[in-house]
Every structure is written in structure tokens, then in C-alpha cells.
Amino acid sequence: GYHWLLFQEGKGMFCIICRKHDTINPQNKSKKFNTEPSV
């Protein structure tokens, strides 16, 4: 039930669900869409 896509000006795109549960990319261990914005 989440509208998960967010955009922070000056940074990039985030996912509110990934940010809430602090998930990481299992392949490269990055935190894109979490604490690191996707540009």
C-alpha cells in the first residue's frame, strides 16, 4: 500500500520501503534507493 518513489531535490530518487527496512543490494552491497540516491 506504499507509494514508494520519492525524489529529493539536489540528490535523487529514493524508495521509502527500502529506506524503512534498510535493505541493500545483495550483489554489490550498495544502498541505492535507500541511503544512497539513484541519479
PDB file of all heavy atoms in Angstrom:
ATOM      1  N   GLY A   1       0.799  -1.219   0.000  1.00  0.00           N
ATOM      2  CA  GLY A   1       0.000   0.000   0.000  1.00  0.00           C
ATOM      3  C   GLY A   1       0.830   1.266   0.000  1.00  0.00           C
ATOM      4  O   GLY A   1       0.310   2.359   0.263  1.00  0.00           O
ATOM      5  N   TYR A   2       2.131   1.156  -0.288  1.00  0.00           N
ATOM      6  CA  TYR A   2       3.021   2.324  -0.294  1.00  0.00           C
ATOM      7  C   TYR A   2       3.171   2.886  -1.702  1.00  0.00           C
ATOM      8  O   TYR A   2       3.376   2.128  -2.672  1.00  0.00           O
ATOM      9  CB  TYR A   2       4.413   1.932   0.231  1.00  0.00           C
ATOM     10  CG  TYR A   2       4.562   2.021   1.723  1.00  0.00           C
ATOM     11  CD1 TYR A   2       4.597   0.867   2.502  1.00  0.00           C
ATOM     12  CD2 TYR A   2       4.696   3.246   2.357  1.00  0.00           C
ATOM     13  CE1 TYR A   2       4.752   0.932   3.878  1.00  0.00           C
ATOM     14  CE2 TYR A   2       4.852   3.329   3.732  1.00  0.00           C
ATOM     15  CZ  TYR A   2       4.884   2.170   4.493  1.00  0.00           C
ATOM     16  OH  TYR A   2       5.028   2.253   5.846  1.00  0.00           O
ATOM     17  N   HIS A   3       3.099   4.212  -1.806  1.00  0.00           N
ATOM     18  CA  HIS A   3       3.624   4.927  -2.979  1.00  0.00           C
ATOM     19  C   HIS A   3       5.105   5.153  -2.662  1.00  0.00           C
ATOM     20  O   HIS A   3       5.479   6.125  -2.010  1.00  0.00           O
ATOM     21  CB  HIS A   3       2.894   6.266  -3.177  1.00  0.00           C
ATOM     22  CG  HIS A   3       1.454   6.104  -3.538  1.00  0.00           C
ATOM     23  ND1 HIS A   3       1.018   5.987  -4.840  1.00  0.00           N
ATOM     24  CD2 HIS A   3       0.344   6.018  -2.755  1.00  0.00           C
ATOM     25  CE1 HIS A   3      -0.296   5.853  -4.857  1.00  0.00           C
ATOM     26  NE2 HIS A   3      -0.737   5.876  -3.599  1.00  0.00           N
ATOM     27  N   TRP A   4       5.922   4.232  -3.104  1.00  0.00           N
ATOM     28  CA  TRP A   4       7.284   4.150  -2.560  1.00  0.00           C
ATOM     29  C   TRP A   4       8.290   5.120  -3.176  1.00  0.00           C
ATOM     30  O   TRP A   4       9.328   5.407  -2.581  1.00  0.00           O
ATOM     31  CB  TRP A   4       7.819   2.723  -2.705  1.00  0.00           C
ATOM     32  CG  TRP A   4       7.782   2.159  -4.110  1.00  0.00           C
ATOM     33  CD1 TRP A   4       6.818   1.398  -4.648  1.00  0.00           C
ATOM     34  CD2 TRP A   4       8.788   2.320  -5.117  1.00  0.00           C
ATOM     35  NE1 TRP A   4       7.121   1.061  -5.945  1.00  0.00           N
ATOM     36  CE2 TRP A   4       8.344   1.607  -6.247  1.00  0.00           C
ATOM     37  CE3 TRP A   4      10.011   2.979  -5.191  1.00  0.00           C
ATOM     38  CZ2 TRP A   4       9.072   1.550  -7.432  1.00  0.00           C
ATOM     39  CZ3 TRP A   4      10.748   2.920  -6.361  1.00  0.00           C
ATOM     40  CH2 TRP A   4      10.272   2.215  -7.460  1.00  0.00           C
ATOM     41  N   LEU A   5       8.023   5.659  -4.365  1.00  0.00           N
ATOM     42  CA  LEU A   5       9.009   6.502  -5.040  1.00  0.00           C
ATOM     43  C   LEU A   5       9.009   7.913  -4.469  1.00  0.00           C
ATOM     44  O   LEU A   5       7.965   8.560  -4.380  1.00  0.00           O
ATOM     45  CB  LEU A   5       8.734   6.541  -6.542  1.00  0.00           C
ATOM     46  CG  LEU A   5       9.734   7.354  -7.374  1.00  0.00           C
ATOM     47  CD1 LEU A   5      11.139   6.744  -7.264  1.00  0.00           C
ATOM     48  CD2 LEU A   5       9.290   7.417  -8.837  1.00  0.00           C
ATOM     49  N   LEU A   6      10.187   8.402  -4.080  1.00  0.00           N
ATOM     50  CA  LEU A   6      10.390   9.773  -3.593  1.00  0.00           C
ATOM     51  C   LEU A   6      11.501  10.425  -4.402  1.00  0.00           C
ATOM     52  O   LEU A   6      12.388   9.740  -4.929  1.00  0.00           O
ATOM     53  CB  LEU A   6      10.765   9.782  -2.108  1.00  0.00           C
ATOM     54  CG  LEU A   6       9.883   9.005  -1.130  1.00  0.00           C
ATOM     55  CD1 LEU A   6      10.469   9.103   0.265  1.00  0.00           C
ATOM     56  CD2 LEU A   6       8.476   9.554  -1.139  1.00  0.00           C
ATOM     57  N   PHE A   7      11.451  11.756  -4.475  1.00  0.00           N
ATOM     58  CA  PHE A   7      12.527  12.493  -5.133  1.00  0.00           C
ATOM     59  C   PHE A   7      12.935  13.658  -4.255  1.00  0.00           C
ATOM     60  O   PHE A   7      12.118  14.521  -3.917  1.00  0.00           O
ATOM     61  CB  PHE A   7      12.083  13.013  -6.503  1.00  0.00           C
ATOM     62  CG  PHE A   7      13.166  13.779  -7.215  1.00  0.00           C
ATOM     63  CD1 PHE A   7      14.173  13.118  -7.894  1.00  0.00           C
ATOM     64  CD2 PHE A   7      13.184  15.174  -7.200  1.00  0.00           C
ATOM     65  CE1 PHE A   7      15.180  13.822  -8.541  1.00  0.00           C
ATOM     66  CE2 PHE A   7      14.173  15.886  -7.845  1.00  0.00           C
ATOM     67  CZ  PHE A   7      15.182  15.206  -8.518  1.00  0.00           C
ATOM     68  N   GLN A   8      14.211  13.667  -3.871  1.00  0.00           N
ATOM     69  CA  GLN A   8      14.743  14.765  -3.056  1.00  0.00           C
ATOM     70  C   GLN A   8      15.547  15.690  -3.953  1.00  0.00           C
ATOM     71  O   GLN A   8      16.487  15.267  -4.640  1.00  0.00           O
ATOM     72  CB  GLN A   8      15.627  14.226  -1.929  1.00  0.00           C
ATOM     73  CG  GLN A   8      16.155  15.319  -1.013  1.00  0.00           C
ATOM     74  CD  GLN A   8      16.981  14.759   0.141  1.00  0.00           C
ATOM     75  OE1 GLN A   8      17.122  13.542   0.286  1.00  0.00           O
ATOM     76  NE2 GLN A   8      17.509  15.645   0.960  1.00  0.00           N
ATOM     77  N   GLU A   9      15.175  16.944  -3.962  1.00  0.00           N
ATOM     78  CA  GLU A   9      15.850  17.911  -4.826  1.00  0.00           C
ATOM     79  C   GLU A   9      17.309  18.063  -4.414  1.00  0.00           C
ATOM     80  O   GLU A   9      17.636  18.135  -3.229  1.00  0.00           O
ATOM     81  CB  GLU A   9      15.135  19.266  -4.770  1.00  0.00           C
ATOM     82  CG  GLU A   9      13.743  19.237  -5.383  1.00  0.00           C
ATOM     83  CD  GLU A   9      13.204  20.637  -5.636  1.00  0.00           C
ATOM     84  OE1 GLU A   9      13.933  21.595  -5.312  1.00  0.00           O
ATOM     85  OE2 GLU A   9      12.083  20.769  -6.153  1.00  0.00           O
ATOM     86  N   GLY A  10      18.138  18.113  -5.425  1.00  0.00           N
ATOM     87  CA  GLY A  10      19.569  18.238  -5.192  1.00  0.00           C
ATOM     88  C   GLY A  10      20.265  16.898  -4.994  1.00  0.00           C
ATOM     89  O   GLY A  10      21.494  16.851  -4.948  1.00  0.00           O
ATOM     90  N   LYS A  11      19.496  15.812  -4.882  1.00  0.00           N
ATOM     91  CA  LYS A  11      20.114  14.492  -4.673  1.00  0.00           C
ATOM     92  C   LYS A  11      19.648  13.480  -5.708  1.00  0.00           C
ATOM     93  O   LYS A  11      20.373  13.134  -6.624  1.00  0.00           O
ATOM     94  CB  LYS A  11      19.835  14.013  -3.256  1.00  0.00           C
ATOM     95  CG  LYS A  11      20.577  14.817  -2.193  1.00  0.00           C
ATOM     96  CD  LYS A  11      20.535  14.131  -0.838  1.00  0.00           C
ATOM     97  CE  LYS A  11      21.392  14.899   0.167  1.00  0.00           C
ATOM     98  NZ  LYS A  11      21.416  14.231   1.486  1.00  0.00           N
ATOM     99  N   GLY A  12      18.432  12.940  -5.545  1.00  0.00           N
ATOM    100  CA  GLY A  12      17.972  11.940  -6.497  1.00  0.00           C
ATOM    101  C   GLY A  12      16.764  11.189  -5.984  1.00  0.00           C
ATOM    102  O   GLY A  12      16.020  11.666  -5.116  1.00  0.00           O
ATOM    103  N   MET A  13      16.564   9.971  -6.504  1.00  0.00           N
ATOM    104  CA  MET A  13      15.390   9.161  -6.207  1.00  0.00           C
ATOM    105  C   MET A  13      15.643   8.235  -5.017  1.00  0.00           C
ATOM    106  O   MET A  13      16.750   7.713  -4.844  1.00  0.00           O
ATOM    107  CB  MET A  13      15.001   8.322  -7.430  1.00  0.00           C
ATOM    108  CG  MET A  13      14.639   9.145  -8.661  1.00  0.00           C
ATOM    109  SD  MET A  13      14.113   8.118 -10.050  1.00  0.00           S
ATOM    110  CE  MET A  13      15.648   7.260 -10.444  1.00  0.00           C
ATOM    111  N   PHE A  14      14.603   8.018  -4.227  1.00  0.00           N
ATOM    112  CA  PHE A  14      14.667   7.122  -3.071  1.00  0.00           C
ATOM    113  C   PHE A  14      13.436   6.218  -3.064  1.00  0.00           C
ATOM    114  O   PHE A  14      12.407   6.532  -3.685  1.00  0.00           O
ATOM    115  CB  PHE A  14      14.720   7.909  -1.757  1.00  0.00           C
ATOM    116  CG  PHE A  14      15.984   8.692  -1.559  1.00  0.00           C
ATOM    117  CD1 PHE A  14      16.073  10.022  -1.983  1.00  0.00           C
ATOM    118  CD2 PHE A  14      17.096   8.102  -0.961  1.00  0.00           C
ATOM    119  CE1 PHE A  14      17.239  10.742  -1.801  1.00  0.00           C
ATOM    120  CE2 PHE A  14      18.264   8.827  -0.782  1.00  0.00           C
ATOM    121  CZ  PHE A  14      18.330  10.150  -1.202  1.00  0.00           C
ATOM    122  N   CYS A  15      13.556   5.115  -2.319  1.00  0.00           N
ATOM    123  CA  CYS A  15      12.440   4.197  -2.096  1.00  0.00           C
ATOM    124  C   CYS A  15      12.145   4.192  -0.599  1.00  0.00           C
ATOM    125  O   CYS A  15      13.006   3.845   0.213  1.00  0.00           O
ATOM    126  CB  CYS A  15      12.768   2.790  -2.589  1.00  0.00           C
ATOM    127  SG  CYS A  15      11.533   1.555  -2.155  1.00  0.00           S
ATOM    128  N   ILE A  16      10.917   4.583  -0.231  1.00  0.00           N
ATOM    129  CA  ILE A  16      10.584   4.706   1.178  1.00  0.00           C
ATOM    130  C   ILE A  16      10.563   3.339   1.877  1.00  0.00           C
ATOM    131  O   ILE A  16      10.879   3.227   3.063  1.00  0.00           O
ATOM    132  CB  ILE A  16       9.216   5.417   1.348  1.00  0.00           C
ATOM    133  CG1 ILE A  16       8.996   5.815   2.808  1.00  0.00           C
ATOM    134  CG2 ILE A  16       8.095   4.553   0.817  1.00  0.00           C
ATOM    135  CD1 ILE A  16       9.981   6.823   3.325  1.00  0.00           C
ATOM    136  N   ILE A  17      10.223   2.274   1.154  1.00  0.00           N
ATOM    137  CA  ILE A  17      10.190   0.941   1.773  1.00  0.00           C
ATOM    138  C   ILE A  17      11.608   0.438   2.035  1.00  0.00           C
ATOM    139  O   ILE A  17      11.903  -0.092   3.114  1.00  0.00           O
ATOM    140  CB  ILE A  17       9.422  -0.063   0.881  1.00  0.00           C
ATOM    141  CG1 ILE A  17       8.066   0.497   0.483  1.00  0.00           C
ATOM    142  CG2 ILE A  17       9.240  -1.391   1.596  1.00  0.00           C
ATOM    143  CD1 ILE A  17       7.285  -0.413  -0.446  1.00  0.00           C
ATOM    144  N   CYS A  18      12.493   0.610   1.059  1.00  0.00           N
ATOM    145  CA  CYS A  18      13.892   0.201   1.253  1.00  0.00           C
ATOM    146  C   CYS A  18      14.552   1.034   2.344  1.00  0.00           C
ATOM    147  O   CYS A  18      15.397   0.527   3.101  1.00  0.00           O
ATOM    148  CB  CYS A  18      14.666   0.337  -0.051  1.00  0.00           C
ATOM    149  SG  CYS A  18      14.130  -0.789  -1.354  1.00  0.00           S
ATOM    150  N   ARG A  19      14.157   2.305   2.426  1.00  0.00           N
ATOM    151  CA  ARG A  19      14.721   3.180   3.453  1.00  0.00           C
ATOM    152  C   ARG A  19      14.239   2.754   4.842  1.00  0.00           C
ATOM    153  O   ARG A  19      15.006   2.774   5.811  1.00  0.00           O
ATOM    154  CB  ARG A  19      14.288   4.622   3.159  1.00  0.00           C
ATOM    155  CG  ARG A  19      15.021   5.691   3.955  1.00  0.00           C
ATOM    156  CD  ARG A  19      16.441   5.880   3.452  1.00  0.00           C
ATOM    157  NE  ARG A  19      17.095   6.970   4.143  1.00  0.00           N
ATOM    158  CZ  ARG A  19      17.174   8.220   3.667  1.00  0.00           C
ATOM    159  NH1 ARG A  19      16.623   8.511   2.500  1.00  0.00           N
ATOM    160  NH2 ARG A  19      17.799   9.168   4.337  1.00  0.00           N
ATOM    161  N   LYS A  20      12.988   2.338   4.926  1.00  0.00           N
ATOM    162  CA  LYS A  20      12.415   1.946   6.213  1.00  0.00           C
ATOM    163  C   LYS A  20      13.095   0.701   6.757  1.00  0.00           C
ATOM    164  O   LYS A  20      13.409   0.629   7.955  1.00  0.00           O
ATOM    165  CB  LYS A  20      10.910   1.701   6.053  1.00  0.00           C
ATOM    166  CG  LYS A  20      10.218   1.234   7.327  1.00  0.00           C
ATOM    167  CD  LYS A  20       8.739   1.007   7.100  1.00  0.00           C
ATOM    168  CE  LYS A  20       8.063   0.517   8.382  1.00  0.00           C
ATOM    169  NZ  LYS A  20       6.598   0.274   8.175  1.00  0.00           N
ATOM    170  N   HIS A  21      13.334  -0.282   5.892  1.00  0.00           N
ATOM    171  CA  HIS A  21      13.889  -1.556   6.352  1.00  0.00           C
ATOM    172  C   HIS A  21      15.385  -1.686   6.062  1.00  0.00           C
ATOM    173  O   HIS A  21      15.962  -2.752   6.310  1.00  0.00           O
ATOM    174  CB  HIS A  21      13.135  -2.717   5.708  1.00  0.00           C
ATOM    175  CG  HIS A  21      11.684  -2.761   6.096  1.00  0.00           C
ATOM    176  ND1 HIS A  21      11.263  -3.248   7.313  1.00  0.00           N
ATOM    177  CD2 HIS A  21      10.551  -2.350   5.432  1.00  0.00           C
ATOM    178  CE1 HIS A  21       9.941  -3.156   7.387  1.00  0.00           C
ATOM    179  NE2 HIS A  21       9.491  -2.605   6.276  1.00  0.00           N
ATOM    180  N   ASP A  22      15.994  -0.628   5.545  1.00  0.00           N
ATOM    181  CA  ASP A  22      17.447  -0.562   5.355  1.00  0.00           C
ATOM    182  C   ASP A  22      17.977  -1.779   4.599  1.00  0.00           C
ATOM    183  O   ASP A  22      18.911  -2.448   5.023  1.00  0.00           O
ATOM    184  CB  ASP A  22      18.149  -0.452   6.715  1.00  0.00           C
ATOM    185  CG  ASP A  22      19.601  -0.028   6.565  1.00  0.00           C
ATOM    186  OD1 ASP A  22      19.926   0.640   5.567  1.00  0.00           O
ATOM    187  OD2 ASP A  22      20.423  -0.388   7.439  1.00  0.00           O
ATOM    188  N   THR A  23      17.380  -2.081   3.460  1.00  0.00           N
ATOM    189  CA  THR A  23      17.827  -3.209   2.649  1.00  0.00           C
ATOM    190  C   THR A  23      18.952  -2.777   1.725  1.00  0.00           C
ATOM    191  O   THR A  23      19.077  -1.606   1.370  1.00  0.00           O
ATOM    192  CB  THR A  23      16.669  -3.771   1.812  1.00  0.00           C
ATOM    193  OG1 THR A  23      16.080  -2.712   1.048  1.00  0.00           O
ATOM    194  CG2 THR A  23      15.618  -4.400   2.715  1.00  0.00           C
ATOM    195  N   ILE A  24      19.755  -3.763   1.320  1.00  0.00           N
ATOM    196  CA  ILE A  24      20.904  -3.477   0.455  1.00  0.00           C
ATOM    197  C   ILE A  24      20.832  -4.358  -0.781  1.00  0.00           C
ATOM    198  O   ILE A  24      20.135  -5.371  -0.812  1.00  0.00           O
ATOM    199  CB  ILE A  24      22.242  -3.718   1.186  1.00  0.00           C
ATOM    200  CG1 ILE A  24      22.361  -5.189   1.610  1.00  0.00           C
ATOM    201  CG2 ILE A  24      22.376  -2.810   2.383  1.00  0.00           C
ATOM    202  CD1 ILE A  24      23.699  -5.536   2.219  1.00  0.00           C
ATOM    203  N   ASN A  25      21.578  -3.963  -1.788  1.00  0.00           N
ATOM    204  CA  ASN A  25      21.684  -4.772  -2.999  1.00  0.00           C
ATOM    205  C   ASN A  25      22.518  -6.012  -2.684  1.00  0.00           C
ATOM    206  O   ASN A  25      23.686  -5.891  -2.310  1.00  0.00           O
ATOM    207  CB  ASN A  25      22.352  -3.957  -4.112  1.00  0.00           C
ATOM    208  CG  ASN A  25      22.297  -4.652  -5.454  1.00  0.00           C
ATOM    209  OD1 ASN A  25      22.403  -5.865  -5.544  1.00  0.00           O
ATOM    210  ND2 ASN A  25      22.136  -3.862  -6.502  1.00  0.00           N
ATOM    211  N   PRO A  26      21.976  -7.231  -2.800  1.00  0.00           N
ATOM    212  CA  PRO A  26      22.732  -8.432  -2.422  1.00  0.00           C
ATOM    213  C   PRO A  26      23.924  -8.722  -3.323  1.00  0.00           C
ATOM    214  O   PRO A  26      24.812  -9.478  -2.949  1.00  0.00           O
ATOM    215  CB  PRO A  26      21.682  -9.557  -2.526  1.00  0.00           C
ATOM    216  CG  PRO A  26      20.663  -9.040  -3.494  1.00  0.00           C
ATOM    217  CD  PRO A  26      20.629  -7.559  -3.294  1.00  0.00           C
ATOM    218  N   GLN A  27      23.975  -8.092  -4.493  1.00  0.00           N
ATOM    219  CA  GLN A  27      25.068  -8.365  -5.419  1.00  0.00           C
ATOM    220  C   GLN A  27      26.292  -7.506  -5.131  1.00  0.00           C
ATOM    221  O   GLN A  27      27.396  -8.013  -4.949  1.00  0.00           O
ATOM    222  CB  GLN A  27      24.588  -8.156  -6.862  1.00  0.00           C
ATOM    223  CG  GLN A  27      23.462  -9.119  -7.261  1.00  0.00           C
ATOM    224  CD  GLN A  27      22.963  -8.852  -8.659  1.00  0.00           C
ATOM    225  OE1 GLN A  27      23.300  -7.836  -9.272  1.00  0.00           O
ATOM    226  NE2 GLN A  27      22.134  -9.755  -9.179  1.00  0.00           N
ATOM    227  N   ASN A  28      26.101  -6.192  -5.084  1.00  0.00           N
ATOM    228  CA  ASN A  28      27.248  -5.292  -4.868  1.00  0.00           C
ATOM    229  C   ASN A  28      27.223  -4.598  -3.508  1.00  0.00           C
ATOM    230  O   ASN A  28      28.042  -3.730  -3.233  1.00  0.00           O
ATOM    231  CB  ASN A  28      27.308  -4.239  -5.973  1.00  0.00           C
ATOM    232  CG  ASN A  28      26.004  -3.460  -6.095  1.00  0.00           C
ATOM    233  OD1 ASN A  28      25.164  -3.472  -5.185  1.00  0.00           O
ATOM    234  ND2 ASN A  28      25.830  -2.786  -7.225  1.00  0.00           N
ATOM    235  N   LYS A  29      26.245  -4.983  -2.649  1.00  0.00           N
ATOM    236  CA  LYS A  29      26.146  -4.443  -1.285  1.00  0.00           C
ATOM    237  C   LYS A  29      25.934  -2.931  -1.244  1.00  0.00           C
ATOM    238  O   LYS A  29      26.195  -2.290  -0.222  1.00  0.00           O
ATOM    239  CB  LYS A  29      27.400  -4.808  -0.464  1.00  0.00           C
ATOM    240  CG  LYS A  29      27.758  -6.278  -0.455  1.00  0.00           C
ATOM    241  CD  LYS A  29      26.639  -7.133   0.079  1.00  0.00           C
ATOM    242  CE  LYS A  29      27.001  -8.612   0.056  1.00  0.00           C
ATOM    243  NZ  LYS A  29      25.898  -9.474   0.519  1.00  0.00           N
ATOM    244  N   SER A  30      25.449  -2.353  -2.321  1.00  0.00           N
ATOM    245  CA  SER A  30      25.185  -0.912  -2.335  1.00  0.00           C
ATOM    246  C   SER A  30      23.802  -0.632  -1.741  1.00  0.00           C
ATOM    247  O   SER A  30      22.976  -1.529  -1.583  1.00  0.00           O
ATOM    248  CB  SER A  30      25.254  -0.368  -3.764  1.00  0.00           C
ATOM    249  OG  SER A  30      24.165  -0.864  -4.535  1.00  0.00           O
ATOM    250  N   LYS A  31      23.556   0.650  -1.434  1.00  0.00           N
ATOM    251  CA  LYS A  31      22.286   1.053  -0.837  1.00  0.00           C
ATOM    252  C   LYS A  31      21.576   2.086  -1.708  1.00  0.00           C
ATOM    253  O   LYS A  31      21.024   3.061  -1.219  1.00  0.00           O
ATOM    254  CB  LYS A  31      22.510   1.616   0.568  1.00  0.00           C
ATOM    255  CG  LYS A  31      22.909   0.561   1.586  1.00  0.00           C
ATOM    256  CD  LYS A  31      22.870   1.121   2.999  1.00  0.00           C
ATOM    257  CE  LYS A  31      23.126   0.042   4.029  1.00  0.00           C
ATOM    258  NZ  LYS A  31      22.989   0.549   5.417  1.00  0.00           N
ATOM    259  N   LYS A  32      21.586   1.838  -3.019  1.00  0.00           N
ATOM    260  CA  LYS A  32      20.860   2.702  -3.930  1.00  0.00           C
ATOM    261  C   LYS A  32      19.373   2.650  -3.606  1.00  0.00           C
ATOM    262  O   LYS A  32      18.833   1.595  -3.261  1.00  0.00           O
ATOM    263  CB  LYS A  32      21.081   2.254  -5.379  1.00  0.00           C
ATOM    264  CG  LYS A  32      22.481   2.493  -5.905  1.00  0.00           C
ATOM    265  CD  LYS A  32      22.766   3.983  -6.090  1.00  0.00           C
ATOM    266  CE  LYS A  32      24.148   4.193  -6.711  1.00  0.00           C
ATOM    267  NZ  LYS A  32      24.462   5.615  -6.860  1.00  0.00           N
ATOM    268  N   PHE A  33      18.706   3.790  -3.722  1.00  0.00           N
ATOM    269  CA  PHE A  33      17.297   3.955  -3.376  1.00  0.00           C
ATOM    270  C   PHE A  33      17.061   3.854  -1.866  1.00  0.00           C
ATOM    271  O   PHE A  33      15.935   3.977  -1.422  1.00  0.00           O
ATOM    272  CB  PHE A  33      16.409   2.925  -4.094  1.00  0.00           C
ATOM    273  CG  PHE A  33      16.117   3.264  -5.523  1.00  0.00           C
ATOM    274  CD1 PHE A  33      16.891   2.748  -6.546  1.00  0.00           C
ATOM    275  CD2 PHE A  33      15.066   4.104  -5.837  1.00  0.00           C
ATOM    276  CE1 PHE A  33      16.621   3.059  -7.870  1.00  0.00           C
ATOM    277  CE2 PHE A  33      14.778   4.415  -7.167  1.00  0.00           C
ATOM    278  CZ  PHE A  33      15.574   3.890  -8.183  1.00  0.00           C
ATOM    279  N   ASN A  34      18.108   3.628  -1.094  1.00  0.00           N
ATOM    280  CA  ASN A  34      17.973   3.532   0.362  1.00  0.00           C
ATOM    281  C   ASN A  34      18.587   4.780   0.985  1.00  0.00           C
ATOM    282  O   ASN A  34      17.934   5.805   1.104  1.00  0.00           O
ATOM    283  CB  ASN A  34      18.631   2.253   0.851  1.00  0.00           C
ATOM    284  CG  ASN A  34      18.543   2.077   2.348  1.00  0.00           C
ATOM    285  OD1 ASN A  34      17.971   2.899   3.043  1.00  0.00           O
ATOM    286  ND2 ASN A  34      19.119   1.024   2.859  1.00  0.00           N
ATOM    287  N   THR A  35      19.834   4.720   1.385  1.00  0.00           N
ATOM    288  CA  THR A  35      20.516   5.908   1.889  1.00  0.00           C
ATOM    289  C   THR A  35      21.290   6.620   0.778  1.00  0.00           C
ATOM    290  O   THR A  35      21.645   7.793   0.928  1.00  0.00           O
ATOM    291  CB  THR A  35      21.484   5.523   3.016  1.00  0.00           C
ATOM    292  OG1 THR A  35      22.384   4.512   2.542  1.00  0.00           O
ATOM    293  CG2 THR A  35      20.716   5.000   4.222  1.00  0.00           C
ATOM    294  N   GLU A  36      21.545   5.893  -0.321  1.00  0.00           N
ATOM    295  CA  GLU A  36      22.217   6.490  -1.477  1.00  0.00           C
ATOM    296  C   GLU A  36      21.178   6.771  -2.558  1.00  0.00           C
ATOM    297  O   GLU A  36      20.417   5.885  -2.937  1.00  0.00           O
ATOM    298  CB  GLU A  36      23.282   5.537  -2.023  1.00  0.00           C
ATOM    299  CG  GLU A  36      24.360   5.161  -1.019  1.00  0.00           C
ATOM    300  CD  GLU A  36      25.297   4.120  -1.586  1.00  0.00           C
ATOM    301  OE1 GLU A  36      25.220   3.853  -2.803  1.00  0.00           O
ATOM    302  OE2 GLU A  36      26.103   3.569  -0.815  1.00  0.00           O
ATOM    303  N   PRO A  37      21.119   8.006  -3.051  1.00  0.00           N
ATOM    304  CA  PRO A  37      20.120   8.333  -4.083  1.00  0.00           C
ATOM    305  C   PRO A  37      20.488   7.716  -5.428  1.00  0.00           C
ATOM    306  O   PRO A  37      21.659   7.526  -5.747  1.00  0.00           O
ATOM    307  CB  PRO A  37      20.169   9.857  -4.141  1.00  0.00           C
ATOM    308  CG  PRO A  37      21.577  10.198  -3.727  1.00  0.00           C
ATOM    309  CD  PRO A  37      21.958   9.168  -2.700  1.00  0.00           C
ATOM    310  N   SER A  38      19.471   7.394  -6.189  1.00  0.00           N
ATOM    311  CA  SER A  38      19.683   6.932  -7.561  1.00  0.00           C
ATOM    312  C   SER A  38      19.578   8.139  -8.494  1.00  0.00           C
ATOM    313  O   SER A  38      18.587   8.867  -8.474  1.00  0.00           O
ATOM    314  CB  SER A  38      18.637   5.879  -7.928  1.00  0.00           C
ATOM    315  OG  SER A  38      18.760   5.523  -9.294  1.00  0.00           O
ATOM    316  N   VAL A  39      20.615   8.344  -9.288  1.00  0.00           N
ATOM    317  CA  VAL A  39      20.666   9.520 -10.162  1.00  0.00           C
ATOM    318  C   VAL A  39      20.542   9.138 -11.631  1.00  0.00           C
ATOM    319  O   VAL A  39      20.795   9.957 -12.517  1.00  0.00           O
ATOM    320  CB  VAL A  39      21.971  10.307  -9.926  1.00  0.00           C
ATOM    321  CG1 VAL A  39      21.984  10.888  -8.524  1.00  0.00           C
ATOM    322  CG2 VAL A  39      23.191   9.418 -10.148  1.00  0.00           C
TER     323      VAL A  39
END
